[in-house]
Amino acid sequence: MHDDPEDLNKNIDFMKSELVNQNVDLDQVTSSWKITFVQRRTFVRDHTTKEVLQEYPGYGYALLVCSSLSFIRL
């Protein structure tokens, strides 16, 4: 579990900037996606879909959304 707010924000900023590039480093984005899981889940609960997609553009990528399923404990 990653609790350092500065580290979480760096990962979020990285994903935002990386996902607009033509050559996305998918391994690094996936790593950041996993690190920010708890923060993203909390954000999704309290914001509109538009706000979520602005803050976490990775939700527009099926590969990232589906990769989340592999580390969720039901």
PDB file of N, CA and C in Angstrom:
ATOM      1  N   MET A   1       0.851  -1.173   0.000  1.00  0.00           N
ATOM      2  CA  MET A   1       0.000   0.000   0.000  1.00  0.00           C
ATOM      3  C   MET A   1       0.892   1.230   0.000  1.00  0.00           C
ATOM      4  N   HIS A   2       0.546   2.190  -0.806  1.00  0.00           N
ATOM      5  CA  HIS A   2       1.333   3.419  -0.935  1.00  0.00           C
ATOM      6  C   HIS A   2       0.548   4.569  -0.319  1.00  0.00           C
ATOM      7  N   ASP A   3       1.098   5.156   0.742  1.00  0.00           N
ATOM      8  CA  ASP A   3       0.385   6.198   1.467  1.00  0.00           C
ATOM      9  C   ASP A   3       1.001   7.574   1.329  1.00  0.00           C
ATOM     10  N   ASP A   4       2.142   7.704   0.691  1.00  0.00           N
ATOM     11  CA  ASP A   4       2.818   8.986   0.572  1.00  0.00           C
ATOM     12  C   ASP A   4       2.093   9.847  -0.461  1.00  0.00           C
ATOM     13  N   PRO A   5       1.418  10.925  -0.028  1.00  0.00           N
ATOM     14  CA  PRO A   5       0.658  11.763  -0.964  1.00  0.00           C
ATOM     15  C   PRO A   5       1.513  12.337  -2.091  1.00  0.00           C
ATOM     16  N   GLU A   6       2.745  12.682  -1.792  1.00  0.00           N
ATOM     17  CA  GLU A   6       3.622  13.235  -2.824  1.00  0.00           C
ATOM     18  C   GLU A   6       3.924  12.180  -3.891  1.00  0.00           C
ATOM     19  N   ASP A   7       4.184  10.959  -3.453  1.00  0.00           N
ATOM     20  CA  ASP A   7       4.448   9.864  -4.384  1.00  0.00           C
ATOM     21  C   ASP A   7       3.212   9.561  -5.222  1.00  0.00           C
ATOM     22  N   LEU A   8       2.050   9.542  -4.590  1.00  0.00           N
ATOM     23  CA  LEU A   8       0.807   9.291  -5.320  1.00  0.00           C
ATOM     24  C   LEU A   8       0.571  10.371  -6.375  1.00  0.00           C
ATOM     25  N   ASN A   9       0.784  11.628  -6.000  1.00  0.00           N
ATOM     26  CA  ASN A   9       0.580  12.723  -6.952  1.00  0.00           C
ATOM     27  C   ASN A   9       1.566  12.652  -8.115  1.00  0.00           C
ATOM     28  N   LYS A  10       2.792  12.253  -7.842  1.00  0.00           N
ATOM     29  CA  LYS A  10       3.773  12.095  -8.918  1.00  0.00           C
ATOM     30  C   LYS A  10       3.328  11.011  -9.896  1.00  0.00           C
ATOM     31  N   ASN A  11       2.791   9.919  -9.371  1.00  0.00           N
ATOM     32  CA  ASN A  11       2.307   8.842 -10.229  1.00  0.00           C
ATOM     33  C   ASN A  11       1.106   9.279 -11.049  1.00  0.00           C
ATOM     34  N   ILE A  12       0.215  10.045 -10.455  1.00  0.00           N
ATOM     35  CA  ILE A  12      -0.955  10.548 -11.179  1.00  0.00           C
ATOM     36  C   ILE A  12      -0.515  11.499 -12.282  1.00  0.00           C
ATOM     37  N   ASP A  13       0.377  12.416 -11.964  1.00  0.00           N
ATOM     38  CA  ASP A  13       0.881  13.358 -12.975  1.00  0.00           C
ATOM     39  C   ASP A  13       1.606  12.624 -14.102  1.00  0.00           C
ATOM     40  N   PHE A  14       2.374  11.600 -13.747  1.00  0.00           N
ATOM     41  CA  PHE A  14       3.067  10.812 -14.762  1.00  0.00           C
ATOM     42  C   PHE A  14       2.061  10.177 -15.717  1.00  0.00           C
ATOM     43  N   MET A  15       1.018   9.556 -15.168  1.00  0.00           N
ATOM     44  CA  MET A  15       0.023   8.905 -16.019  1.00  0.00           C
ATOM     45  C   MET A  15      -0.665   9.908 -16.936  1.00  0.00           C
ATOM     46  N   LYS A  16      -1.026  11.063 -16.386  1.00  0.00           N
ATOM     47  CA  LYS A  16      -1.690  12.090 -17.204  1.00  0.00           C
ATOM     48  C   LYS A  16      -0.812  12.505 -18.382  1.00  0.00           C
ATOM     49  N   SER A  17       0.456  12.733 -18.130  1.00  0.00           N
ATOM     50  CA  SER A  17       1.346  13.185 -19.204  1.00  0.00           C
ATOM     51  C   SER A  17       1.704  12.048 -20.152  1.00  0.00           C
ATOM     52  N   GLU A  18       1.880  10.858 -19.637  1.00  0.00           N
ATOM     53  CA  GLU A  18       2.296   9.726 -20.462  1.00  0.00           C
ATOM     54  C   GLU A  18       1.188   9.268 -21.405  1.00  0.00           C
ATOM     55  N   LEU A  19      -0.051   9.319 -20.948  1.00  0.00           N
ATOM     56  CA  LEU A  19      -1.156   8.811 -21.758  1.00  0.00           C
ATOM     57  C   LEU A  19      -1.503   9.703 -22.940  1.00  0.00           C
ATOM     58  N   VAL A  20      -0.953  10.897 -23.016  1.00  0.00           N
ATOM     59  CA  VAL A  20      -1.177  11.748 -24.192  1.00  0.00           C
ATOM     60  C   VAL A  20      -0.074  11.564 -25.228  1.00  0.00           C
ATOM     61  N   ASN A  21       0.972  10.819 -24.899  1.00  0.00           N
ATOM     62  CA  ASN A  21       2.077  10.569 -25.818  1.00  0.00           C
ATOM     63  C   ASN A  21       1.717   9.500 -26.836  1.00  0.00           C
ATOM     64  N   GLN A  22       2.375   9.555 -27.971  1.00  0.00           N
ATOM     65  CA  GLN A  22       2.193   8.528 -28.996  1.00  0.00           C
ATOM     66  C   GLN A  22       2.821   7.208 -28.563  1.00  0.00           C
ATOM     67  N   ASN A  23       3.952   7.275 -27.891  1.00  0.00           N
ATOM     68  CA  ASN A  23       4.681   6.077 -27.456  1.00  0.00           C
ATOM     69  C   ASN A  23       4.573   5.933 -25.943  1.00  0.00           C
ATOM     70  N   VAL A  24       3.482   5.368 -25.503  1.00  0.00           N
ATOM     71  CA  VAL A  24       3.213   5.221 -24.077  1.00  0.00           C
ATOM     72  C   VAL A  24       4.077   4.102 -23.499  1.00  0.00           C
ATOM     73  N   ASP A  25       4.701   4.372 -22.352  1.00  0.00           N
ATOM     74  CA  ASP A  25       5.436   3.342 -21.614  1.00  0.00           C
ATOM     75  C   ASP A  25       4.401   2.598 -20.768  1.00  0.00           C
ATOM     76  N   LEU A  26       3.790   1.595 -21.378  1.00  0.00           N
ATOM     77  CA  LEU A  26       2.669   0.903 -20.750  1.00  0.00           C
ATOM     78  C   LEU A  26       3.053   0.206 -19.454  1.00  0.00           C
ATOM     79  N   ASP A  27       4.257  -0.308 -19.363  1.00  0.00           N
ATOM     80  CA  ASP A  27       4.682  -0.955 -18.122  1.00  0.00           C
ATOM     81  C   ASP A  27       4.720   0.043 -16.973  1.00  0.00           C
ATOM     82  N   GLN A  28       5.265   1.219 -17.211  1.00  0.00           N
ATOM     83  CA  GLN A  28       5.352   2.240 -16.160  1.00  0.00           C
ATOM     84  C   GLN A  28       3.968   2.788 -15.817  1.00  0.00           C
ATOM     85  N   VAL A  29       3.124   2.980 -16.835  1.00  0.00           N
ATOM     86  CA  VAL A  29       1.761   3.468 -16.579  1.00  0.00           C
ATOM     87  C   VAL A  29       0.994   2.433 -15.752  1.00  0.00           C
ATOM     88  N   THR A  30       1.135   1.156 -16.089  1.00  0.00           N
ATOM     89  CA  THR A  30       0.459   0.103 -15.334  1.00  0.00           C
ATOM     90  C   THR A  30       0.936   0.075 -13.886  1.00  0.00           C
ATOM     91  N   SER A  31       2.216   0.280 -13.686  1.00  0.00           N
ATOM     92  CA  SER A  31       2.755   0.334 -12.328  1.00  0.00           C
ATOM     93  C   SER A  31       2.138   1.498 -11.549  1.00  0.00           C
ATOM     94  N   SER A  32       2.100   2.662 -12.175  1.00  0.00           N
ATOM     95  CA  SER A  32       1.493   3.833 -11.522  1.00  0.00           C
ATOM     96  C   SER A  32       0.001   3.610 -11.277  1.00  0.00           C
ATOM     97  N   TRP A  33      -0.644   2.934 -12.197  1.00  0.00           N
ATOM     98  CA  TRP A  33      -2.074   2.639 -12.085  1.00  0.00           C
ATOM     99  C   TRP A  33      -2.332   1.794 -10.835  1.00  0.00           C
ATOM    100  N   LYS A  34      -1.481   0.809 -10.615  1.00  0.00           N
ATOM    101  CA  LYS A  34      -1.630  -0.053  -9.439  1.00  0.00           C
ATOM    102  C   LYS A  34      -1.326   0.702  -8.152  1.00  0.00           C
ATOM    103  N   ILE A  35      -0.299   1.543  -8.174  1.00  0.00           N
ATOM    104  CA  ILE A  35       0.089   2.311  -6.992  1.00  0.00           C
ATOM    105  C   ILE A  35      -1.033   3.238  -6.542  1.00  0.00           C
ATOM    106  N   THR A  36      -1.789   3.780  -7.478  1.00  0.00           N
ATOM    107  CA  THR A  36      -2.822   4.765  -7.152  1.00  0.00           C
ATOM    108  C   THR A  36      -4.202   4.148  -6.977  1.00  0.00           C
ATOM    109  N   PHE A  37      -4.295   2.840  -6.880  1.00  0.00           N
ATOM    110  CA  PHE A  37      -5.587   2.164  -6.820  1.00  0.00           C
ATOM    111  C   PHE A  37      -6.515   2.719  -5.740  1.00  0.00           C
ATOM    112  N   VAL A  38      -6.049   2.773  -4.510  1.00  0.00           N
ATOM    113  CA  VAL A  38      -6.897   3.217  -3.398  1.00  0.00           C
ATOM    114  C   VAL A  38      -7.326   4.667  -3.596  1.00  0.00           C
ATOM    115  N   GLN A  39      -6.397   5.512  -3.997  1.00  0.00           N
ATOM    116  CA  GLN A  39      -6.721   6.924  -4.220  1.00  0.00           C
ATOM    117  C   GLN A  39      -7.734   7.073  -5.354  1.00  0.00           C
ATOM    118  N   ARG A  40      -7.555   6.314  -6.435  1.00  0.00           N
ATOM    119  CA  ARG A  40      -8.493   6.390  -7.551  1.00  0.00           C
ATOM    120  C   ARG A  40      -9.877   5.937  -7.131  1.00  0.00           C
ATOM    121  N   ARG A  41      -9.940   4.853  -6.389  1.00  0.00           N
ATOM    122  CA  ARG A  41     -11.233   4.319  -5.959  1.00  0.00           C
ATOM    123  C   ARG A  41     -11.980   5.330  -5.095  1.00  0.00           C
ATOM    124  N   THR A  42     -11.276   5.993  -4.219  1.00  0.00           N
ATOM    125  CA  THR A  42     -11.895   7.020  -3.381  1.00  0.00           C
ATOM    126  C   THR A  42     -12.370   8.203  -4.233  1.00  0.00           C
ATOM    127  N   PHE A  43     -11.555   8.617  -5.187  1.00  0.00           N
ATOM    128  CA  PHE A  43     -11.900   9.740  -6.058  1.00  0.00           C
ATOM    129  C   PHE A  43     -13.154   9.427  -6.872  1.00  0.00           C
ATOM    130  N   VAL A  44     -13.246   8.210  -7.388  1.00  0.00           N
ATOM    131  CA  VAL A  44     -14.374   7.809  -8.225  1.00  0.00           C
ATOM    132  C   VAL A  44     -15.691   7.897  -7.463  1.00  0.00           C
ATOM    133  N   ARG A  45     -15.654   7.593  -6.195  1.00  0.00           N
ATOM    134  CA  ARG A  45     -16.876   7.610  -5.381  1.00  0.00           C
ATOM    135  C   ARG A  45     -17.485   9.002  -5.247  1.00  0.00           C
ATOM    136  N   ASP A  46     -16.648  10.029  -5.280  1.00  0.00           N
ATOM    137  CA  ASP A  46     -17.119  11.373  -4.959  1.00  0.00           C
ATOM    138  C   ASP A  46     -17.126  12.341  -6.128  1.00  0.00           C
ATOM    139  N   HIS A  47     -16.882  11.857  -7.361  1.00  0.00           N
ATOM    140  CA  HIS A  47     -16.782  12.765  -8.499  1.00  0.00           C
ATOM    141  C   HIS A  47     -17.565  12.250  -9.696  1.00  0.00           C
ATOM    142  N   THR A  48     -17.861  13.155 -10.600  1.00  0.00           N
ATOM    143  CA  THR A  48     -18.577  12.790 -11.813  1.00  0.00           C
ATOM    144  C   THR A  48     -17.659  12.023 -12.758  1.00  0.00           C
ATOM    145  N   THR A  49     -18.257  11.367 -13.726  1.00  0.00           N
ATOM    146  CA  THR A  49     -17.483  10.630 -14.720  1.00  0.00           C
ATOM    147  C   THR A  49     -16.524  11.564 -15.449  1.00  0.00           C
ATOM    148  N   LYS A  50     -16.987  12.745 -15.786  1.00  0.00           N
ATOM    149  CA  LYS A  50     -16.140  13.717 -16.477  1.00  0.00           C
ATOM    150  C   LYS A  50     -14.925  14.075 -15.627  1.00  0.00           C
ATOM    151  N   GLU A  51     -15.142  14.323 -14.349  1.00  0.00           N
ATOM    152  CA  GLU A  51     -14.036  14.656 -13.448  1.00  0.00           C
ATOM    153  C   GLU A  51     -13.064  13.489 -13.296  1.00  0.00           C
ATOM    154  N   VAL A  52     -13.604  12.285 -13.222  1.00  0.00           N
ATOM    155  CA  VAL A  52     -12.753  11.094 -13.090  1.00  0.00           C
ATOM    156  C   VAL A  52     -11.868  10.943 -14.319  1.00  0.00           C
ATOM    157  N   LEU A  53     -12.444  11.099 -15.507  1.00  0.00           N
ATOM    158  CA  LEU A  53     -11.658  10.952 -16.731  1.00  0.00           C
ATOM    159  C   LEU A  53     -10.634  12.065 -16.888  1.00  0.00           C
ATOM    160  N   GLN A  54     -10.902  13.242 -16.352  1.00  0.00           N
ATOM    161  CA  GLN A  54      -9.921  14.320 -16.393  1.00  0.00           C
ATOM    162  C   GLN A  54      -8.757  14.032 -15.457  1.00  0.00           C
ATOM    163  N   GLU A  55      -9.062  13.547 -14.270  1.00  0.00           N
ATOM    164  CA  GLU A  55      -8.024  13.279 -13.277  1.00  0.00           C
ATOM    165  C   GLU A  55      -7.264  11.979 -13.576  1.00  0.00           C
ATOM    166  N   TYR A  56      -7.994  10.984 -14.086  1.00  0.00           N
ATOM    167  CA  TYR A  56      -7.418   9.669 -14.361  1.00  0.00           C
ATOM    168  C   TYR A  56      -7.774   9.230 -15.780  1.00  0.00           C
ATOM    169  N   PRO A  57      -7.089   9.775 -16.776  1.00  0.00           N
ATOM    170  CA  PRO A  57      -7.416   9.441 -18.163  1.00  0.00           C
ATOM    171  C   PRO A  57      -7.211   7.958 -18.483  1.00  0.00           C
ATOM    172  N   GLY A  58      -6.544   7.236 -17.629  1.00  0.00           N
ATOM    173  CA  GLY A  58      -6.352   5.803 -17.833  1.00  0.00           C
ATOM    174  C   GLY A  58      -7.657   5.025 -17.854  1.00  0.00           C
ATOM    175  N   TYR A  59      -8.721   5.593 -17.264  1.00  0.00           N
ATOM    176  CA  TYR A  59     -10.011   4.920 -17.304  1.00  0.00           C
ATOM    177  C   TYR A  59     -10.574   4.853 -18.722  1.00  0.00           C
ATOM    178  N   GLY A  60      -9.987   5.580 -19.634  1.00  0.00           N
ATOM    179  CA  GLY A  60     -10.375   5.505 -21.039  1.00  0.00           C
ATOM    180  C   GLY A  60      -9.668   4.381 -21.782  1.00  0.00           C
ATOM    181  N   TYR A  61      -8.792   3.652 -21.106  1.00  0.00           N
ATOM    182  CA  TYR A  61      -8.025   2.566 -21.710  1.00  0.00           C
ATOM    183  C   TYR A  61      -8.467   1.236 -21.106  1.00  0.00           C
ATOM    184  N   ALA A  62      -9.139   0.423 -21.910  1.00  0.00           N
ATOM    185  CA  ALA A  62      -9.665  -0.853 -21.426  1.00  0.00           C
ATOM    186  C   ALA A  62      -8.570  -1.725 -20.821  1.00  0.00           C
ATOM    187  N   LEU A  63      -7.386  -1.668 -21.403  1.00  0.00           N
ATOM    188  CA  LEU A  63      -6.286  -2.491 -20.901  1.00  0.00           C
ATOM    189  C   LEU A  63      -5.970  -2.162 -19.438  1.00  0.00           C
ATOM    190  N   LEU A  64      -5.981  -0.885 -19.085  1.00  0.00           N
ATOM    191  CA  LEU A  64      -5.704  -0.501 -17.696  1.00  0.00           C
ATOM    192  C   LEU A  64      -6.864  -0.876 -16.780  1.00  0.00           C
ATOM    193  N   VAL A  65      -8.071  -0.646 -17.230  1.00  0.00           N
ATOM    194  CA  VAL A  65      -9.236  -0.968 -16.407  1.00  0.00           C
ATOM    195  C   VAL A  65      -9.273  -2.465 -16.123  1.00  0.00           C
ATOM    196  N   CYS A  66      -9.029  -3.264 -17.145  1.00  0.00           N
ATOM    197  CA  CYS A  66      -9.032  -4.719 -16.972  1.00  0.00           C
ATOM    198  C   CYS A  66      -7.849  -5.188 -16.133  1.00  0.00           C
ATOM    199  N   SER A  67      -6.722  -4.508 -16.223  1.00  0.00           N
ATOM    200  CA  SER A  67      -5.563  -4.910 -15.418  1.00  0.00           C
ATOM    201  C   SER A  67      -5.846  -4.700 -13.930  1.00  0.00           C
ATOM    202  N   SER A  68      -6.747  -3.785 -13.610  1.00  0.00           N
ATOM    203  CA  SER A  68      -7.115  -3.551 -12.210  1.00  0.00           C
ATOM    204  C   SER A  68      -7.768  -4.779 -11.615  1.00  0.00           C
ATOM    205  N   LEU A  69      -8.448  -5.537 -12.437  1.00  0.00           N
ATOM    206  CA  LEU A  69      -9.148  -6.722 -11.928  1.00  0.00           C
ATOM    207  C   LEU A  69      -8.193  -7.788 -11.423  1.00  0.00           C
ATOM    208  N   SER A  70      -6.965  -7.787 -11.912  1.00  0.00           N
ATOM    209  CA  SER A  70      -6.018  -8.816 -11.525  1.00  0.00           C
ATOM    210  C   SER A  70      -5.459  -8.621 -10.119  1.00  0.00           C
ATOM    211  N   PHE A  71      -5.596  -7.439  -9.542  1.00  0.00           N
ATOM    212  CA  PHE A  71      -5.055  -7.259  -8.192  1.00  0.00           C
ATOM    213  C   PHE A  71      -6.107  -6.829  -7.177  1.00  0.00           C
ATOM    214  N   ILE A  72      -7.375  -6.898  -7.544  1.00  0.00           N
ATOM    215  CA  ILE A  72      -8.461  -6.596  -6.602  1.00  0.00           C
ATOM    216  C   ILE A  72      -8.818  -7.884  -5.866  1.00  0.00           C
ATOM    217  N   ARG A  73      -8.928  -7.787  -4.572  1.00  0.00           N
ATOM    218  CA  ARG A  73      -9.383  -8.922  -3.778  1.00  0.00           C
ATOM    219  C   ARG A  73     -10.875  -8.768  -3.555  1.00  0.00           C
ATOM    220  N   LEU A  74     -11.605  -9.758  -3.968  1.00  0.00           N
ATOM    221  CA  LEU A  74     -13.059  -9.708  -3.792  1.00  0.00           C
ATOM    222  C   LEU A  74     -13.464 -10.382  -2.514  1.00  0.00           C
TER     223      LEU A  74
END
